[in-house]
Amino acid sequence: MLLCDIGNTSYHFLDGEKDYKKDVKSFDASCMKETIYYISVNSEVNATLKTLPNWINLSAFIDKEQYYETMGIDRVVAVEALSNSVIVDAGSAITVDIVREGLFEGGFIYPGVDAMQKTYLNISPALHYSFNFDLDLDIMPKNSQDAISYGFLKTLYSEVMSHKLSVVLTGGNANELHKIFKDAIIDERLIFNGMKKIIKKAKLC
């Protein structure tokens, strides 16, 4: 089974246990002849793939009634993968989605690590620090780096933990956030696991 998660910059393939990426600008999707199950947030790529019958868009097989219209397909598929969890996808933005007993309860979007660091820098060059992910969130900070880190991380941590569910981390900054969410599970293939579940439910193969 060949799966593909398409973003704004890359095609991310999973072929069995092997995953690899191709650049959106240079990759020719028509060169692939096998059946490929995909999701995509890239409107230009979507237009191309509609003309290729071997590329199967999994978004057509999702019951979208429990989701809101503008919710990204990557978030939807992550929710489809789990039954009782808070999903924290730490990418360019940090998305947090709550799924309880298989139902999506809602979620929120938070600035990503890089974006938040730039926000502090835009306020003042004196606030130009990297975040301290080793910070003890039970102790009030007494220096600028920790004060900035606390303001960002404590807010996120408190909201996520308030839902009293297991936490699943994914995305590029998952390892950094794991220092804060020490009991969380890191699942780098969460999207692909959701895609597999959708395929199985729809009996596509």
Foldseek 3Di string as FASTA:
>chain_A
DWEWEEEPFWTWIDDPNDIDIDGPVPDDPLVDDAAYEYEYPHPVVVVVCVVPVSYHYLVVLDDCPLDDDPDGPLVVLLLLLDAAEWEWEAEQWTKTWGHHRSGTPDIDIHGHQVRLLVVQVVVDVVLNDRADLLDDLVDADDDNNPNSNNVRLVVVVVVRCVVVTAYEYEYDCRVSNCSVVVRHHYDPCSSVSSSVSSCVVVVVD
